[in-house]
Amino acid sequence: MPFKKIMITLVSIVVSTSIYSQNFGVIVKGSTTGIGVDLGYRVNNNVLIKAGYDQFDYNFKSTVNDGTNSVLLNAKAGIGSISLLTDIRLYKKIYITTGVLFNKFNSNLEGSFDNDMKFGDVTIKKESLGAISWKISPKQLLAPYLGFGIGDNLNSYRKVNLSLELGAFYQGVTNFTIASSGIFSPNSDPDLNQAGVLNGLASDYKLYPVVKINLGIRLFSK
């Protein structure tokens, strides 16, 4: 590229940056990784830096009954992330966002008998029957993220902006662990390797999809 064209390009970048205010604000977001907020700093017309947090927890209890015995299931599922991302404008209101996040996904399912078990004249108290626990978590906590968005958060033209973002982060292999006692003990027997079977089934799902709606609120400009 001729020297004159290089200089014109550099000057145009400097001018476009200098006439565009540096904006600070918050971005309220709801996505498949939870509900949270980003602190945003728009460096110039094309670059927005975001540091944020989101979280969603879900707890439920259920009972499985086969007509004779019932098993109480208690599940706790949590998704969330702590992220540091950069939005780069590609064209008008189309941008690409990339960076890294700390994956806070964690899930735990516990099962135990909800009734005493009878064998003829013998009754075994439910507390003595044991329990089982399945825990699911990512082996890789730091995850790279890549997404594409439509919108323009924290610009100098509007106080409030809305954007839609689609992306995914690489969470690697999911880690299943099983702890059991009493009559549930075979489930955690190393020879049966049930945890290994579950890890094998989940090995193809290393990407976590992200669908995100952002509501950017510009607080002040510099």
Protein backbone atom coordinates (compact mmCIF):
# COMPACT_ATOMS: atom_id res chain seq x y z
CA MET A 1 0.00 0.00 0.00
CA PRO A 2 1.45 3.42 -0.95
CA PHE A 3 2.66 5.60 1.92
CA LYS A 4 0.04 8.28 1.16
CA LYS A 5 -2.83 5.78 1.51
CA ILE A 6 -1.39 4.46 4.77
CA MET A 7 -1.23 7.98 6.23
CA ILE A 8 -4.78 8.76 5.11
CA THR A 9 -6.03 5.57 6.74
CA LEU A 10 -4.24 6.32 10.03
CA VAL A 11 -5.50 9.89 10.09
CA SER A 12 -9.07 8.76 9.44
CA ILE A 13 -8.87 6.30 12.37
CA VAL A 14 -7.52 8.99 14.70
CA VAL A 15 -10.15 11.50 13.63
CA SER A 16 -13.03 9.02 13.94
CA THR A 17 -11.79 8.11 17.42
CA SER A 18 -11.32 11.69 18.60
CA ILE A 19 -14.77 12.92 17.52
CA TYR A 20 -16.55 10.00 19.13
CA SER A 21 -17.04 10.36 22.87
CA GLN A 22 -15.70 7.76 25.24
CA ASN A 23 -18.79 6.45 26.96
CA PHE A 24 -19.26 4.71 30.29
CA GLY A 25 -22.35 2.78 31.29
CA VAL A 26 -24.02 -0.41 32.42
CA ILE A 27 -25.48 -3.17 30.29
CA VAL A 28 -28.26 -5.19 31.88
CA LYS A 29 -28.37 -8.64 30.27
CA GLY A 30 -30.41 -11.80 30.23
CA SER A 31 -29.07 -14.90 28.53
CA THR A 32 -28.64 -18.66 28.63
CA THR A 33 -25.89 -18.08 31.19
CA GLY A 34 -28.17 -16.20 33.56
CA ILE A 35 -29.24 -12.68 34.44
CA GLY A 36 -26.66 -10.04 35.25
CA VAL A 37 -24.94 -6.80 34.35
CA ASP A 38 -21.83 -5.59 32.51
CA LEU A 39 -19.82 -2.48 33.20
CA GLY A 40 -19.02 -1.05 29.79
CA TYR A 41 -16.42 1.39 28.46
CA ARG A 42 -16.66 2.40 24.82
CA VAL A 43 -13.13 3.29 23.76
CA ASN A 44 -14.21 4.63 20.38
CA ASN A 45 -16.80 4.16 17.68
CA ASN A 46 -15.67 0.59 16.99
CA VAL A 47 -14.51 -0.85 20.32
CA LEU A 48 -16.47 -1.54 23.53
CA ILE A 49 -14.90 -3.26 26.54
CA LYS A 50 -17.22 -5.11 28.95
CA ALA A 51 -16.63 -6.72 32.34
CA GLY A 52 -19.61 -8.50 33.79
CA TYR A 53 -21.32 -11.11 35.90
CA ASP A 54 -24.45 -13.23 35.46
CA GLN A 55 -26.07 -16.04 37.41
CA PHE A 56 -29.18 -18.20 37.53
CA ASP A 57 -29.98 -20.88 40.12
CA TYR A 58 -32.78 -23.39 40.04
CA ASN A 59 -33.80 -25.79 42.80
CA PHE A 60 -36.49 -28.43 42.67
CA LYS A 61 -37.69 -31.47 44.57
CA SER A 62 -39.57 -34.44 43.19
CA THR A 63 -40.57 -37.94 44.21
CA VAL A 64 -40.33 -41.05 42.03
CA ASN A 65 -42.78 -43.76 43.11
CA ASP A 66 -42.95 -47.32 41.74
CA GLY A 67 -46.01 -48.26 43.79
CA THR A 68 -44.00 -49.83 46.60
CA ASN A 69 -41.10 -47.51 47.28
CA SER A 70 -40.54 -43.83 46.66
CA VAL A 71 -37.27 -42.01 46.10
CA LEU A 72 -36.92 -38.33 46.95
CA LEU A 73 -34.92 -36.33 44.40
CA ASN A 74 -33.41 -33.00 45.33
CA ALA A 75 -31.72 -31.07 42.51
CA LYS A 76 -29.74 -27.84 42.48
CA ALA A 77 -28.65 -26.39 39.15
CA GLY A 78 -26.61 -23.26 38.71
CA ILE A 79 -25.32 -21.49 35.61
CA GLY A 80 -23.38 -18.26 35.40
CA SER A 81 -20.19 -16.55 34.38
CA ILE A 82 -17.71 -13.81 35.17
CA SER A 83 -16.62 -12.33 31.86
CA LEU A 84 -14.20 -9.91 30.22
CA LEU A 85 -15.24 -9.27 26.61
CA THR A 86 -14.58 -6.84 23.79
CA ASP A 87 -17.15 -5.82 21.17
CA ILE A 88 -15.69 -4.89 17.78
CA ARG A 89 -17.95 -3.24 15.23
CA LEU A 90 -17.89 -4.91 11.82
CA TYR A 91 -20.48 -2.85 9.98
CA LYS A 92 -22.92 -0.24 11.29
CA LYS A 93 -24.88 -2.08 14.02
CA ILE A 94 -23.28 -5.49 13.48
CA TYR A 95 -20.48 -6.44 15.85
CA ILE A 96 -18.37 -9.38 16.91
CA THR A 97 -17.64 -9.98 20.60
CA THR A 98 -14.82 -12.09 21.97
CA GLY A 99 -12.96 -12.66 25.20
CA VAL A 100 -12.80 -15.03 28.12
CA LEU A 101 -15.15 -15.98 30.93
CA PHE A 102 -15.08 -17.97 34.15
CA ASN A 103 -17.65 -20.74 33.80
CA LYS A 104 -19.75 -21.10 36.97
CA PHE A 105 -21.92 -23.99 35.78
CA ASN A 106 -22.57 -26.49 38.57
CA SER A 107 -25.32 -29.03 39.07
CA ASN A 108 -26.07 -31.53 41.80
CA LEU A 109 -28.78 -34.21 41.98
CA GLU A 110 -29.31 -36.16 45.20
CA GLY A 111 -31.56 -39.15 45.73
CA SER A 112 -32.65 -41.00 48.86
CA PHE A 113 -35.52 -43.24 49.91
CA ASP A 114 -38.60 -41.50 51.22
CA ASN A 115 -39.95 -44.57 52.98
CA ASP A 116 -38.80 -47.46 55.13
CA MET A 117 -38.21 -50.71 53.26
CA LYS A 118 -39.78 -53.96 54.42
CA PHE A 119 -38.57 -57.51 53.79
CA GLY A 120 -41.13 -59.78 55.41
CA ASP A 121 -40.99 -59.05 59.11
CA VAL A 122 -37.80 -57.02 58.76
CA THR A 123 -38.03 -53.25 58.41
CA ILE A 124 -35.04 -51.15 57.36
CA LYS A 125 -35.29 -47.49 58.25
CA LYS A 126 -34.95 -45.13 55.32
CA GLU A 127 -31.99 -43.40 57.00
CA SER A 128 -30.07 -46.70 56.77
CA LEU A 129 -30.77 -47.32 53.10
CA GLY A 130 -28.15 -44.85 51.91
CA ALA A 131 -28.18 -42.11 49.31
CA ILE A 132 -26.75 -41.18 45.93
CA SER A 133 -25.43 -37.93 44.52
CA TRP A 134 -24.58 -36.97 40.93
CA LYS A 135 -22.45 -33.83 40.48
CA ILE A 136 -21.88 -32.18 37.11
CA SER A 137 -19.29 -29.46 36.54
CA PRO A 138 -16.92 -28.40 33.74
CA LYS A 139 -13.33 -29.55 33.93
CA GLN A 140 -12.26 -26.32 32.22
CA LEU A 141 -13.30 -23.26 34.24
CA LEU A 142 -11.79 -20.59 31.96
CA ALA A 143 -13.59 -20.59 28.63
CA PRO A 144 -13.00 -18.59 25.42
CA TYR A 145 -16.10 -16.91 24.02
CA LEU A 146 -17.10 -15.80 20.54
CA GLY A 147 -20.37 -14.17 19.54
CA PHE A 148 -22.07 -12.00 16.94
CA GLY A 149 -24.46 -9.21 17.81
CA ILE A 150 -26.91 -6.75 16.32
CA GLY A 151 -27.11 -3.39 18.09
CA ASP A 152 -24.91 -0.59 19.36
CA ASN A 153 -24.60 -0.31 23.13
CA LEU A 154 -23.25 2.76 24.93
CA ASN A 155 -23.01 5.04 21.93
CA SER A 156 -23.13 8.84 21.95
CA TYR A 157 -26.46 9.15 20.16
CA ARG A 158 -28.87 7.43 22.52
CA LYS A 159 -29.10 7.08 26.28
CA VAL A 160 -30.56 3.56 26.07
CA ASN A 161 -29.82 0.90 23.45
CA LEU A 162 -30.89 -2.68 22.86
CA SER A 163 -28.87 -5.47 21.26
CA LEU A 164 -29.23 -9.17 20.50
CA GLU A 165 -26.23 -11.48 20.69
CA LEU A 166 -25.70 -15.07 19.58
CA GLY A 167 -22.57 -16.98 20.46
CA ALA A 168 -20.96 -19.87 22.30
CA PHE A 169 -18.14 -20.58 24.70
CA TYR A 170 -15.87 -23.60 24.81
CA GLN A 171 -16.37 -25.34 28.15
CA GLY A 172 -14.49 -28.53 27.28
CA VAL A 173 -15.38 -31.92 28.69
CA THR A 174 -18.09 -32.11 31.34
CA ASN A 175 -17.09 -33.86 34.57
CA PHE A 176 -19.58 -36.28 36.16
CA THR A 177 -18.91 -37.59 39.66
CA ILE A 178 -21.06 -40.06 41.57
CA ALA A 179 -21.06 -40.61 45.33
CA SER A 180 -23.29 -43.29 46.82
CA SER A 181 -23.82 -45.35 49.94
CA GLY A 182 -26.03 -48.16 51.21
CA ILE A 183 -28.02 -49.99 48.56
CA PHE A 184 -27.01 -47.29 46.05
CA SER A 185 -23.31 -48.18 46.41
CA PRO A 186 -22.97 -50.09 43.09
CA ASN A 187 -23.57 -46.80 41.24
CA SER A 188 -20.17 -45.50 42.34
CA ASP A 189 -18.33 -48.82 41.97
CA PRO A 190 -15.12 -48.14 39.95
CA ASP A 191 -15.53 -51.47 38.17
CA LEU A 192 -18.92 -50.44 36.78
CA ASN A 193 -17.59 -46.94 35.94
CA GLN A 194 -20.98 -45.29 35.55
CA ALA A 195 -19.38 -41.84 35.84
CA GLY A 196 -17.07 -42.72 32.96
CA VAL A 197 -20.01 -43.76 30.81
CA LEU A 198 -21.78 -40.46 31.50
CA ASN A 199 -18.61 -38.50 30.73
CA GLY A 200 -18.32 -40.37 27.44
CA LEU A 201 -21.89 -39.54 26.48
CA ALA A 202 -21.30 -35.84 27.20
CA SER A 203 -17.91 -35.65 25.48
CA ASP A 204 -19.42 -34.42 22.20
CA TYR A 205 -21.04 -31.40 23.85
CA LYS A 206 -18.10 -29.09 24.49
CA LEU A 207 -19.69 -25.86 23.28
CA TYR A 208 -22.27 -24.03 25.39
CA PRO A 209 -24.66 -21.93 23.26
CA VAL A 210 -25.38 -18.36 24.33
CA VAL A 211 -28.43 -16.30 23.38
CA LYS A 212 -28.26 -12.88 24.99
CA ILE A 213 -30.35 -9.72 25.12
CA ASN A 214 -28.50 -6.58 26.24
CA LEU A 215 -30.01 -3.32 27.47
CA GLY A 216 -27.25 -0.72 27.47
CA ILE A 217 -27.64 2.44 29.56
CA ARG A 218 -25.10 5.21 28.99
CA LEU A 219 -24.26 6.90 32.29
CA PHE A 220 -21.82 9.58 31.14
CA SER A 221 -19.40 10.48 28.38
CA LYS A 222 -15.83 11.65 28.50
